[in-house]
PDB file of N, CA and C in Angstrom:
ATOM      1  N   UNK A   1       1.110  -1.063  -0.188  1.00  0.00           N
ATOM      2  CA  UNK A   1      -0.079   0.014  -0.009  1.00  0.00           C
ATOM      3  C   UNK A   1       0.905   1.053   0.188  1.00  0.00           C
ATOM      4  N   UNK A   2       0.807   2.168  -0.970  1.00  0.00           N
ATOM      5  CA  UNK A   2       1.498   3.449  -0.754  1.00  0.00           C
ATOM      6  C   UNK A   2       0.561   4.509  -0.235  1.00  0.00           C
ATOM      7  N   UNK A   3       0.809   5.242   0.650  1.00  0.00           N
ATOM      8  CA  UNK A   3       0.242   6.316   1.649  1.00  0.00           C
ATOM      9  C   UNK A   3       0.585   7.610   1.096  1.00  0.00           C
ATOM     10  N   UNK A   4       0.022   8.232   0.251  1.00  0.00           N
ATOM     11  CA  UNK A   4       0.313   9.384  -0.468  1.00  0.00           C
ATOM     12  C   UNK A   4       0.378  10.312   0.595  1.00  0.00           C
ATOM     13  N   UNK A   5       0.879  11.548   0.268  1.00  0.00           N
ATOM     14  CA  UNK A   5       1.172  12.612   1.376  1.00  0.00           C
ATOM     15  C   UNK A   5      -0.110  13.051   1.437  1.00  0.00           C
ATOM     16  N   UNK A   6      -0.619  13.799   2.541  1.00  0.00           N
ATOM     17  CA  UNK A   6      -1.852  14.380   3.032  1.00  0.00           C
ATOM     18  C   UNK A   6      -1.641  14.766   4.598  1.00  0.00           C
ATOM     19  N   UNK A   7      -1.985  15.817   5.010  1.00  0.00           N
ATOM     20  CA  UNK A   7      -2.076  16.534   6.081  1.00  0.00           C
ATOM     21  C   UNK A   7      -2.190  15.658   7.308  1.00  0.00           C
ATOM     22  N   UNK A   8      -1.459  15.791   8.439  1.00  0.00           N
ATOM     23  CA  UNK A   8      -1.949  15.139   9.709  1.00  0.00           C
ATOM     24  C   UNK A   8      -3.125  15.387   9.866  1.00  0.00           C
ATOM     25  N   UNK A   9      -3.797  14.670  10.519  1.00  0.00           N
ATOM     26  CA  UNK A   9      -5.189  14.655  10.916  1.00  0.00           C
ATOM     27  C   UNK A   9      -5.569  13.887  12.466  1.00  0.00           C
ATOM     28  N   UNK A  10      -6.542  14.492  12.978  1.00  0.00           N
ATOM     29  CA  UNK A  10      -6.970  13.104  14.074  1.00  0.00           C
ATOM     30  C   UNK A  10      -8.618  13.142  13.769  1.00  0.00           C
ATOM     31  N   UNK A  11      -9.072  11.910  14.173  1.00  0.00           N
ATOM     32  CA  UNK A  11     -10.664  11.316  13.919  1.00  0.00           C
ATOM     33  C   UNK A  11     -11.094  11.254  14.961  1.00  0.00           C
ATOM     34  N   UNK A  12     -11.983  11.800  15.410  1.00  0.00           N
ATOM     35  CA  UNK A  12     -13.069  11.285  16.318  1.00  0.00           C
ATOM     36  C   UNK A  12     -14.144  10.493  15.571  1.00  0.00           C
ATOM     37  N   UNK A  13     -14.023   9.460  15.870  1.00  0.00           N
ATOM     38  CA  UNK A  13     -15.143   8.486  15.153  1.00  0.00           C
ATOM     39  C   UNK A  13     -16.524   8.728  15.452  1.00  0.00           C
ATOM     40  N   UNK A  14     -16.776   8.970  16.732  1.00  0.00           N
ATOM     41  CA  UNK A  14     -18.007   9.216  16.935  1.00  0.00           C
ATOM     42  C   UNK A  14     -18.615  10.318  16.302  1.00  0.00           C
ATOM     43  N   UNK A  15     -17.880  11.409  15.863  1.00  0.00           N
ATOM     44  CA  UNK A  15     -18.564  12.559  14.895  1.00  0.00           C
ATOM     45  C   UNK A  15     -18.606  12.002  13.732  1.00  0.00           C
ATOM     46  N   UNK A  16     -17.919  10.872  13.088  1.00  0.00           N
ATOM     47  CA  UNK A  16     -18.141  10.377  11.696  1.00  0.00           C
ATOM     48  C   UNK A  16     -19.596   9.919  11.678  1.00  0.00           C
ATOM     49  N   UNK A  17     -20.319  10.399  10.162  1.00  0.00           N
ATOM     50  CA  UNK A  17     -21.647  10.048  10.024  1.00  0.00           C
ATOM     51  C   UNK A  17     -21.749   8.463   9.834  1.00  0.00           C
ATOM     52  N   UNK A  18     -22.619   7.731  10.360  1.00  0.00           N
ATOM     53  CA  UNK A  18     -22.778   6.416  10.055  1.00  0.00           C
ATOM     54  C   UNK A  18     -23.582   5.713   9.013  1.00  0.00           C
ATOM     55  N   UNK A  19     -23.407   4.759   7.990  1.00  0.00           N
ATOM     56  CA  UNK A  19     -23.870   4.260   6.971  1.00  0.00           C
ATOM     57  C   UNK A  19     -24.531   2.807   7.480  1.00  0.00           C
ATOM     58  N   UNK A  20     -25.621   2.310   7.248  1.00  0.00           N
ATOM     59  CA  UNK A  20     -25.731   0.893   7.488  1.00  0.00           C
ATOM     60  C   UNK A  20     -25.668   0.095   6.205  1.00  0.00           C
ATOM     61  N   UNK A  21     -25.357  -1.056   6.039  1.00  0.00           N
ATOM     62  CA  UNK A  21     -25.031  -2.119   5.067  1.00  0.00           C
ATOM     63  C   UNK A  21     -25.846  -3.253   5.319  1.00  0.00           C
ATOM     64  N   UNK A  22     -26.882  -3.608   4.326  1.00  0.00           N
ATOM     65  CA  UNK A  22     -27.360  -4.676   4.641  1.00  0.00           C
ATOM     66  C   UNK A  22     -26.861  -6.018   3.890  1.00  0.00           C
ATOM     67  N   UNK A  23     -26.600  -7.082   4.870  1.00  0.00           N
ATOM     68  CA  UNK A  23     -25.811  -8.026   3.913  1.00  0.00           C
ATOM     69  C   UNK A  23     -26.653  -9.570   4.079  1.00  0.00           C
ATOM     70  N   UNK A  24     -26.381 -10.696   3.771  1.00  0.00           N
ATOM     71  CA  UNK A  24     -26.740 -11.775   4.060  1.00  0.00           C
ATOM     72  C   UNK A  24     -27.642 -12.006   5.133  1.00  0.00           C
ATOM     73  N   UNK A  25     -27.123 -12.046   6.305  1.00  0.00           N
ATOM     74  CA  UNK A  25     -27.792 -11.565   7.669  1.00  0.00           C
ATOM     75  C   UNK A  25     -27.188 -10.590   8.231  1.00  0.00           C
ATOM     76  N   UNK A  26     -27.796  -9.997   9.412  1.00  0.00           N
ATOM     77  CA  UNK A  26     -27.460  -9.144   9.894  1.00  0.00           C
ATOM     78  C   UNK A  26     -27.190  -7.850   9.348  1.00  0.00           C
ATOM     79  N   UNK A  27     -26.216  -6.864  10.135  1.00  0.00           N
ATOM     80  CA  UNK A  27     -26.044  -5.486   9.598  1.00  0.00           C
ATOM     81  C   UNK A  27     -24.809  -5.319   9.653  1.00  0.00           C
ATOM     82  N   UNK A  28     -24.051  -4.183   8.877  1.00  0.00           N
ATOM     83  CA  UNK A  28     -23.043  -3.638   9.096  1.00  0.00           C
ATOM     84  C   UNK A  28     -22.969  -2.055   9.296  1.00  0.00           C
ATOM     85  N   UNK A  29     -22.725  -1.404  10.185  1.00  0.00           N
ATOM     86  CA  UNK A  29     -22.599  -0.143  10.337  1.00  0.00           C
ATOM     87  C   UNK A  29     -21.087   0.659  10.012  1.00  0.00           C
ATOM     88  N   UNK A  30     -21.253   1.183   9.464  1.00  0.00           N
ATOM     89  CA  UNK A  30     -19.733   1.954   8.904  1.00  0.00           C
ATOM     90  C   UNK A  30     -19.542   3.324   9.118  1.00  0.00           C
ATOM     91  N   UNK A  31     -18.629   3.804   9.715  1.00  0.00           N
ATOM     92  CA  UNK A  31     -17.991   5.117   9.865  1.00  0.00           C
ATOM     93  C   UNK A  31     -16.756   5.325   8.939  1.00  0.00           C
ATOM     94  N   UNK A  32     -16.773   6.026   7.685  1.00  0.00           N
ATOM     95  CA  UNK A  32     -15.857   5.831   6.702  1.00  0.00           C
ATOM     96  C   UNK A  32     -15.197   7.153   6.676  1.00  0.00           C
ATOM     97  N   UNK A  33     -13.927   7.322   6.352  1.00  0.00           N
ATOM     98  CA  UNK A  33     -13.301   8.276   6.156  1.00  0.00           C
ATOM     99  C   UNK A  33     -11.927   7.958   4.689  1.00  0.00           C
ATOM    100  N   UNK A  34     -12.104   8.843   4.227  1.00  0.00           N
ATOM    101  CA  UNK A  34     -10.984   8.594   3.022  1.00  0.00           C
ATOM    102  C   UNK A  34      -9.885   9.639   2.893  1.00  0.00           C
ATOM    103  N   UNK A  35      -8.680   9.093   2.412  1.00  0.00           N
ATOM    104  CA  UNK A  35      -7.166  10.041   2.802  1.00  0.00           C
ATOM    105  C   UNK A  35      -6.689   9.844   1.368  1.00  0.00           C
ATOM    106  N   UNK A  36      -5.919  10.803   0.875  1.00  0.00           N
ATOM    107  CA  UNK A  36      -5.408  10.681  -0.196  1.00  0.00           C
ATOM    108  C   UNK A  36      -5.946  10.971  -1.256  1.00  0.00           C
ATOM    109  N   UNK A  37      -5.409  11.335  -2.663  1.00  0.00           N
ATOM    110  CA  UNK A  37      -5.812  11.451  -3.648  1.00  0.00           C
ATOM    111  C   UNK A  37      -6.901  10.820  -4.394  1.00  0.00           C
ATOM    112  N   UNK A  38      -7.363  11.103  -5.607  1.00  0.00           N
ATOM    113  CA  UNK A  38      -8.282   9.797  -6.374  1.00  0.00           C
ATOM    114  C   UNK A  38      -8.036   8.638  -6.566  1.00  0.00           C
ATOM    115  N   UNK A  39      -6.726   8.970  -7.252  1.00  0.00           N
ATOM    116  CA  UNK A  39      -6.233   7.881  -7.800  1.00  0.00           C
ATOM    117  C   UNK A  39      -5.562   6.799  -6.906  1.00  0.00           C
ATOM    118  N   UNK A  40      -5.345   7.073  -5.763  1.00  0.00           N
ATOM    119  CA  UNK A  40      -4.848   6.282  -4.560  1.00  0.00           C
ATOM    120  C   UNK A  40      -5.310   6.702  -3.453  1.00  0.00           C
ATOM    121  N   UNK A  41      -6.716   6.606  -3.413  1.00  0.00           N
ATOM    122  CA  UNK A  41      -7.289   6.693  -1.788  1.00  0.00           C
ATOM    123  C   UNK A  41      -7.104   5.678  -0.929  1.00  0.00           C
ATOM    124  N   UNK A  42      -7.042   6.356   0.517  1.00  0.00           N
ATOM    125  CA  UNK A  42      -7.172   4.881   1.132  1.00  0.00           C
ATOM    126  C   UNK A  42      -8.567   5.048   1.900  1.00  0.00           C
ATOM    127  N   UNK A  43      -9.106   4.081   2.251  1.00  0.00           N
ATOM    128  CA  UNK A  43     -10.344   4.023   2.998  1.00  0.00           C
ATOM    129  C   UNK A  43      -9.863   3.491   4.326  1.00  0.00           C
ATOM    130  N   UNK A  44     -10.530   4.021   5.325  1.00  0.00           N
ATOM    131  CA  UNK A  44     -10.248   3.952   6.849  1.00  0.00           C
ATOM    132  C   UNK A  44     -11.686   3.746   7.430  1.00  0.00           C
ATOM    133  N   UNK A  45     -11.831   2.715   8.121  1.00  0.00           N
ATOM    134  CA  UNK A  45     -13.501   2.398   8.519  1.00  0.00           C
ATOM    135  C   UNK A  45     -13.321   1.783  10.080  1.00  0.00           C
ATOM    136  N   UNK A  46     -14.354   2.357  10.752  1.00  0.00           N
ATOM    137  CA  UNK A  46     -14.700   1.593  11.875  1.00  0.00           C
ATOM    138  C   UNK A  46     -16.093   1.053  11.720  1.00  0.00           C
ATOM    139  N   UNK A  47     -15.965  -0.211  11.960  1.00  0.00           N
ATOM    140  CA  UNK A  47     -17.232  -1.258  11.523  1.00  0.00           C
ATOM    141  C   UNK A  47     -17.744  -1.947  12.665  1.00  0.00           C
ATOM    142  N   UNK A  48     -19.223  -1.701  12.813  1.00  0.00           N
ATOM    143  CA  UNK A  48     -19.674  -2.671  13.768  1.00  0.00           C
ATOM    144  C   UNK A  48     -20.689  -3.391  13.176  1.00  0.00           C
ATOM    145  N   UNK A  49     -20.166  -4.830  13.381  1.00  0.00           N
ATOM    146  CA  UNK A  49     -21.087  -5.937  12.729  1.00  0.00           C
ATOM    147  C   UNK A  49     -22.109  -6.300  13.803  1.00  0.00           C
ATOM    148  N   UNK A  50     -23.518  -6.813  13.628  1.00  0.00           N
ATOM    149  CA  UNK A  50     -24.247  -7.110  14.378  1.00  0.00           C
ATOM    150  C   UNK A  50     -24.190  -8.488  14.876  1.00  0.00           C
ATOM    151  N   UNK A  51     -24.916  -8.661  15.751  1.00  0.00           N
ATOM    152  CA  UNK A  51     -24.915 -10.526  16.084  1.00  0.00           C
ATOM    153  C   UNK A  51     -25.261 -11.061  14.768  1.00  0.00           C
ATOM    154  N   UNK A  52     -25.075 -12.136  14.370  1.00  0.00           N
ATOM    155  CA  UNK A  52     -25.537 -12.966  13.532  1.00  0.00           C
ATOM    156  C   UNK A  52     -25.378 -12.189  12.157  1.00  0.00           C
ATOM    157  N   UNK A  53     -24.193 -11.567  11.899  1.00  0.00           N
ATOM    158  CA  UNK A  53     -23.830 -10.944  10.867  1.00  0.00           C
ATOM    159  C   UNK A  53     -23.250 -11.931   9.874  1.00  0.00           C
ATOM    160  N   UNK A  54     -23.519 -11.821   8.618  1.00  0.00           N
ATOM    161  CA  UNK A  54     -22.981 -12.911   7.673  1.00  0.00           C
ATOM    162  C   UNK A  54     -22.666 -12.126   6.443  1.00  0.00           C
ATOM    163  N   UNK A  55     -21.709 -12.111   5.741  1.00  0.00           N
ATOM    164  CA  UNK A  55     -21.513 -11.534   4.577  1.00  0.00           C
ATOM    165  C   UNK A  55     -21.993 -11.931   3.487  1.00  0.00           C
ATOM    166  N   UNK A  56     -22.603 -10.686   2.293  1.00  0.00           N
ATOM    167  CA  UNK A  56     -23.448 -11.291   1.529  1.00  0.00           C
ATOM    168  C   UNK A  56     -22.391 -11.638   0.317  1.00  0.00           C
ATOM    169  N   UNK A  57     -21.250 -11.690   0.239  1.00  0.00           N
ATOM    170  CA  UNK A  57     -20.132 -12.153  -0.838  1.00  0.00           C
ATOM    171  C   UNK A  57     -18.730 -12.474  -0.474  1.00  0.00           C
ATOM    172  N   UNK A  58     -17.928 -13.082  -1.642  1.00  0.00           N
ATOM    173  CA  UNK A  58     -16.797 -13.626  -0.934  1.00  0.00           C
ATOM    174  C   UNK A  58     -16.084 -12.410  -1.563  1.00  0.00           C
ATOM    175  N   UNK A  59     -15.188 -11.827  -0.508  1.00  0.00           N
ATOM    176  CA  UNK A  59     -14.504 -10.534  -0.954  1.00  0.00           C
ATOM    177  C   UNK A  59     -12.752 -10.522  -1.220  1.00  0.00           C
ATOM    178  N   UNK A  60     -12.484 -10.201  -2.416  1.00  0.00           N
ATOM    179  CA  UNK A  60     -11.281 -10.105  -2.730  1.00  0.00           C
ATOM    180  C   UNK A  60     -10.460  -8.743  -2.648  1.00  0.00           C
ATOM    181  N   UNK A  61     -10.884  -7.798  -2.118  1.00  0.00           N
ATOM    182  CA  UNK A  61     -10.197  -6.547  -1.675  1.00  0.00           C
ATOM    183  C   UNK A  61      -9.428  -6.942  -0.595  1.00  0.00           C
ATOM    184  N   UNK A  62      -8.122  -6.342  -0.876  1.00  0.00           N
ATOM    185  CA  UNK A  62      -7.037  -6.492   0.545  1.00  0.00           C
ATOM    186  C   UNK A  62      -7.692  -5.586   1.635  1.00  0.00           C
ATOM    187  N   UNK A  63      -7.255  -5.941   2.839  1.00  0.00           N
ATOM    188  CA  UNK A  63      -7.647  -4.945   3.972  1.00  0.00           C
ATOM    189  C   UNK A  63      -6.565  -5.416   4.844  1.00  0.00           C
ATOM    190  N   UNK A  64      -6.364  -4.647   5.809  1.00  0.00           N
ATOM    191  CA  UNK A  64      -5.565  -5.025   7.034  1.00  0.00           C
ATOM    192  C   UNK A  64      -7.153  -4.329   8.342  1.00  0.00           C
ATOM    193  N   UNK A  65      -7.347  -5.387   9.173  1.00  0.00           N
ATOM    194  CA  UNK A  65      -8.361  -5.551   9.923  1.00  0.00           C
ATOM    195  C   UNK A  65      -8.148  -5.887  11.203  1.00  0.00           C
ATOM    196  N   UNK A  66      -8.494  -4.801  12.292  1.00  0.00           N
ATOM    197  CA  UNK A  66      -8.210  -5.051  13.748  1.00  0.00           C
ATOM    198  C   UNK A  66      -9.304  -5.328  14.486  1.00  0.00           C
ATOM    199  N   UNK A  67      -9.439  -6.370  15.192  1.00  0.00           N
ATOM    200  CA  UNK A  67     -10.639  -6.517  16.244  1.00  0.00           C
ATOM    201  C   UNK A  67     -10.612  -5.845  17.381  1.00  0.00           C
ATOM    202  N   UNK A  68     -11.485  -5.040  17.666  1.00  0.00           N
ATOM    203  CA  UNK A  68     -11.365  -4.079  18.826  1.00  0.00           C
ATOM    204  C   UNK A  68     -12.546  -4.626  20.218  1.00  0.00           C
ATOM    205  N   UNK A  69     -13.597  -5.284  19.580  1.00  0.00           N
ATOM    206  CA  UNK A  69     -14.367  -5.877  20.354  1.00  0.00           C
ATOM    207  C   UNK A  69     -15.288  -7.157  19.840  1.00  0.00           C
ATOM    208  N   UNK A  70     -15.668  -8.097  20.772  1.00  0.00           N
ATOM    209  CA  UNK A  70     -16.424  -9.352  19.777  1.00  0.00           C
ATOM    210  C   UNK A  70     -15.505 -10.289  19.281  1.00  0.00           C
ATOM    211  N   UNK A  71     -16.080 -11.183  18.219  1.00  0.00           N
ATOM    212  CA  UNK A  71     -15.570 -12.148  17.899  1.00  0.00           C
ATOM    213  C   UNK A  71     -15.954 -12.191  16.569  1.00  0.00           C
ATOM    214  N   UNK A  72     -14.815 -12.289  15.430  1.00  0.00           N
ATOM    215  CA  UNK A  72     -14.918 -12.310  14.174  1.00  0.00           C
ATOM    216  C   UNK A  72     -14.522 -13.622  13.552  1.00  0.00           C
ATOM    217  N   UNK A  73     -15.398 -14.509  12.976  1.00  0.00           N
ATOM    218  CA  UNK A  73     -14.478 -15.682  12.016  1.00  0.00           C
ATOM    219  C   UNK A  73     -14.722 -15.260  10.771  1.00  0.00           C
ATOM    220  N   UNK A  74     -13.418 -15.469  10.353  1.00  0.00           N
ATOM    221  CA  UNK A  74     -13.467 -15.232   8.516  1.00  0.00           C
ATOM    222  C   UNK A  74     -12.976 -16.672   8.001  1.00  0.00           C
ATOM    223  N   UNK A  75     -13.769 -17.019   6.793  1.00  0.00           N
ATOM    224  CA  UNK A  75     -13.299 -18.363   6.234  1.00  0.00           C
ATOM    225  C   UNK A  75     -12.859 -17.824   4.864  1.00  0.00           C
ATOM    226  N   UNK A  76     -11.906 -18.681   4.573  1.00  0.00           N
ATOM    227  CA  UNK A  76     -11.255 -18.441   3.188  1.00  0.00           C
ATOM    228  C   UNK A  76     -11.801 -19.292   2.254  1.00  0.00           C
ATOM    229  N   UNK A  77     -11.606 -18.975   0.677  1.00  0.00           N
ATOM    230  CA  UNK A  77     -12.408 -19.930   0.139  1.00  0.00           C
ATOM    231  C   UNK A  77     -11.828 -21.640  -0.117  1.00  0.00           C
ATOM    232  N   UNK A  78     -10.450 -21.592   0.437  1.00  0.00           N
ATOM    233  CA  UNK A  78     -10.104 -22.950   0.738  1.00  0.00           C
ATOM    234  C   UNK A  78     -10.510 -23.652   2.042  1.00  0.00           C
ATOM    235  N   UNK A  79     -11.453 -22.993   2.574  1.00  0.00           N
ATOM    236  CA  UNK A  79     -12.241 -23.371   3.996  1.00  0.00           C
ATOM    237  C   UNK A  79     -11.488 -23.481   5.067  1.00  0.00           C
ATOM    238  N   UNK A  80     -10.319 -22.640   5.142  1.00  0.00           N
ATOM    239  CA  UNK A  80      -9.713 -22.580   6.407  1.00  0.00           C
ATOM    240  C   UNK A  80     -10.522 -21.571   7.220  1.00  0.00           C
ATOM    241  N   UNK A  81     -10.372 -21.455   8.294  1.00  0.00           N
ATOM    242  CA  UNK A  81     -11.145 -20.256   9.192  1.00  0.00           C
ATOM    243  C   UNK A  81     -10.354 -19.768  10.039  1.00  0.00           C
ATOM    244  N   UNK A  82     -10.446 -18.519  10.612  1.00  0.00           N
ATOM    245  CA  UNK A  82      -9.922 -17.714  11.401  1.00  0.00           C
ATOM    246  C   UNK A  82     -10.429 -16.944  12.422  1.00  0.00           C
ATOM    247  N   UNK A  83     -10.396 -16.912  13.396  1.00  0.00           N
ATOM    248  CA  UNK A  83     -11.188 -16.253  14.566  1.00  0.00           C
ATOM    249  C   UNK A  83     -10.341 -15.227  14.920  1.00  0.00           C
ATOM    250  N   UNK A  84     -10.990 -13.892  14.879  1.00  0.00           N
ATOM    251  CA  UNK A  84     -10.195 -12.502  15.644  1.00  0.00           C
ATOM    252  C   UNK A  84     -11.202 -12.412  16.674  1.00  0.00           C
ATOM    253  N   UNK A  85     -10.301 -12.052  17.627  1.00  0.00           N
ATOM    254  CA  UNK A  85     -10.877 -11.400  19.155  1.00  0.00           C
ATOM    255  C   UNK A  85      -9.962 -10.145  19.331  1.00  0.00           C
ATOM    256  N   UNK A  86     -10.575  -9.595  20.431  1.00  0.00           N
ATOM    257  CA  UNK A  86      -9.916  -8.139  20.792  1.00  0.00           C
ATOM    258  C   UNK A  86      -8.506  -8.159  20.827  1.00  0.00           C
ATOM    259  N   UNK A  87      -7.959  -7.253  20.080  1.00  0.00           N
ATOM    260  CA  UNK A  87      -6.419  -7.385  20.002  1.00  0.00           C
ATOM    261  C   UNK A  87      -5.656  -7.980  18.819  1.00  0.00           C
ATOM    262  N   UNK A  88      -6.582  -8.691  18.118  1.00  0.00           N
ATOM    263  CA  UNK A  88      -5.811  -9.645  16.979  1.00  0.00           C
ATOM    264  C   UNK A  88      -6.313  -8.971  15.555  1.00  0.00           C
ATOM    265  N   UNK A  89      -5.406  -9.208  14.718  1.00  0.00           N
ATOM    266  CA  UNK A  89      -5.774  -8.540  13.331  1.00  0.00           C
ATOM    267  C   UNK A  89      -5.309  -9.624  12.247  1.00  0.00           C
ATOM    268  N   UNK A  90      -5.666  -9.438  11.156  1.00  0.00           N
ATOM    269  CA  UNK A  90      -5.383 -10.148   9.927  1.00  0.00           C
ATOM    270  C   UNK A  90      -4.945  -9.157   8.351  1.00  0.00           C
ATOM    271  N   UNK A  91      -4.552  -9.422   7.630  1.00  0.00           N
ATOM    272  CA  UNK A  91      -3.891  -8.713   6.575  1.00  0.00           C
ATOM    273  C   UNK A  91      -3.955  -9.599   5.495  1.00  0.00           C
ATOM    274  N   UNK A  92      -4.449  -9.063   4.462  1.00  0.00           N
ATOM    275  CA  UNK A  92      -4.801  -9.816   2.704  1.00  0.00           C
ATOM    276  C   UNK A  92      -4.516  -8.993   2.123  1.00  0.00           C
ATOM    277  N   UNK A  93      -3.911  -9.043   0.803  1.00  0.00           N
ATOM    278  CA  UNK A  93      -3.797  -8.371  -0.172  1.00  0.00           C
ATOM    279  C   UNK A  93      -4.813  -8.822  -1.213  1.00  0.00           C
ATOM    280  N   UNK A  94      -4.920  -7.160  -2.175  1.00  0.00           N
ATOM    281  CA  UNK A  94      -5.811  -7.439  -3.448  1.00  0.00           C
ATOM    282  C   UNK A  94      -5.802  -8.502  -3.967  1.00  0.00           C
ATOM    283  N   UNK A  95      -6.895  -9.446  -4.271  1.00  0.00           N
ATOM    284  CA  UNK A  95      -7.011 -10.580  -4.882  1.00  0.00           C
ATOM    285  C   UNK A  95      -6.152 -11.603  -4.642  1.00  0.00           C
ATOM    286  N   UNK A  96      -5.643 -11.778  -3.469  1.00  0.00           N
ATOM    287  CA  UNK A  96      -4.672 -12.508  -2.760  1.00  0.00           C
ATOM    288  C   UNK A  96      -5.604 -13.826  -2.630  1.00  0.00           C
ATOM    289  N   UNK A  97      -6.529 -13.800  -1.561  1.00  0.00           N
ATOM    290  CA  UNK A  97      -7.536 -14.878  -1.032  1.00  0.00           C
ATOM    291  C   UNK A  97      -8.863 -14.357  -0.440  1.00  0.00           C
ATOM    292  N   UNK A  98      -9.904 -14.848  -1.282  1.00  0.00           N
ATOM    293  CA  UNK A  98     -11.267 -14.263  -1.070  1.00  0.00           C
ATOM    294  C   UNK A  98     -11.270 -14.816   0.264  1.00  0.00           C
ATOM    295  N   UNK A  99     -12.459 -14.069   0.908  1.00  0.00           N
ATOM    296  CA  UNK A  99     -12.677 -14.278   2.362  1.00  0.00           C
ATOM    297  C   UNK A  99     -14.078 -13.826   2.584  1.00  0.00           C
ATOM    298  N   UNK A 100     -14.688 -14.150   3.524  1.00  0.00           N
ATOM    299  CA  UNK A 100     -15.930 -14.443   3.897  1.00  0.00           C
ATOM    300  C   UNK A 100     -16.163 -14.018   5.539  1.00  0.00           C
ATOM    301  N   UNK A 101     -16.719 -13.088   5.918  1.00  0.00           N
ATOM    302  CA  UNK A 101     -16.847 -13.034   7.276  1.00  0.00           C
ATOM    303  C   UNK A 101     -18.293 -13.055   8.177  1.00  0.00           C
ATOM    304  N   UNK A 102     -18.171 -13.621   9.206  1.00  0.00           N
ATOM    305  CA  UNK A 102     -19.388 -14.155  10.327  1.00  0.00           C
ATOM    306  C   UNK A 102     -19.070 -13.900  11.871  1.00  0.00           C
ATOM    307  N   UNK A 103     -20.176 -13.112  12.443  1.00  0.00           N
ATOM    308  CA  UNK A 103     -19.983 -13.146  13.682  1.00  0.00           C
ATOM    309  C   UNK A 103     -21.061 -13.732  14.337  1.00  0.00           C
ATOM    310  N   UNK A 104     -21.075 -14.508  15.418  1.00  0.00           N
ATOM    311  CA  UNK A 104     -22.147 -14.934  15.918  1.00  0.00           C
ATOM    312  C   UNK A 104     -22.535 -13.875  17.151  1.00  0.00           C
ATOM    313  N   UNK A 105     -21.815 -12.948  17.586  1.00  0.00           N
ATOM    314  CA  UNK A 105     -22.018 -12.466  18.971  1.00  0.00           C
ATOM    315  C   UNK A 105     -22.173 -10.754  18.445  1.00  0.00           C
ATOM    316  N   UNK A 106     -21.252 -10.472  17.316  1.00  0.00           N
ATOM    317  CA  UNK A 106     -21.109  -9.154  16.895  1.00  0.00           C
ATOM    318  C   UNK A 106     -19.572  -8.819  17.230  1.00  0.00           C
ATOM    319  N   UNK A 107     -19.135  -7.951  16.436  1.00  0.00           N
ATOM    320  CA  UNK A 107     -17.700  -7.493  16.472  1.00  0.00           C
ATOM    321  C   UNK A 107     -18.021  -6.064  16.277  1.00  0.00           C
ATOM    322  N   UNK A 108     -16.592  -5.126  16.730  1.00  0.00           N
ATOM    323  CA  UNK A 108     -16.161  -3.984  16.274  1.00  0.00           C
ATOM    324  C   UNK A 108     -14.731  -4.045  15.821  1.00  0.00           C
ATOM    325  N   UNK A 109     -14.702  -3.446  14.605  1.00  0.00           N
ATOM    326  CA  UNK A 109     -13.350  -3.502  14.005  1.00  0.00           C
ATOM    327  C   UNK A 109     -12.899  -2.249  13.441  1.00  0.00           C
ATOM    328  N   UNK A 110     -11.631  -2.176  13.284  1.00  0.00           N
ATOM    329  CA  UNK A 110     -10.840  -1.076  12.695  1.00  0.00           C
ATOM    330  C   UNK A 110     -10.299  -1.609  11.279  1.00  0.00           C
ATOM    331  N   UNK A 111     -10.618  -0.939   9.912  1.00  0.00           N
ATOM    332  CA  UNK A 111     -10.267  -1.581   8.797  1.00  0.00           C
ATOM    333  C   UNK A 111      -9.531  -0.453   8.117  1.00  0.00           C
ATOM    334  N   UNK A 112      -8.577  -0.821   7.460  1.00  0.00           N
ATOM    335  CA  UNK A 112      -7.736   0.080   6.417  1.00  0.00           C
ATOM    336  C   UNK A 112      -7.790  -0.964   5.237  1.00  0.00           C
ATOM    337  N   UNK A 113      -7.979  -0.132   3.991  1.00  0.00           N
ATOM    338  CA  UNK A 113      -8.103  -0.800   2.691  1.00  0.00           C
ATOM    339  C   UNK A 113      -7.979   0.172   1.616  1.00  0.00           C
TER     340      UNK A 113
END
């Protein structure tokens, strides 16, 4: 990931408008900021998944994902499963390994992509 030059800033996530995203089951609430120019924008999100959340697609986008609260189960297309708990993270590159996320209990995540 190339991080283009942009000014120093501080984000108070409670002040960022939230958007709701319907999925296979459950809901995702995103608070999103973008940094950098249009040709190489970095998306930074605080995301809350409801209990019972199941993504409605196999994602091929690269992410760095850090679990703040709850528990998130991520399945790769080859059926390997990984569980994130508070203080753990995963990282995957664009088009490297498709993944799908699920949480039984709900989770709050910090995501950069």
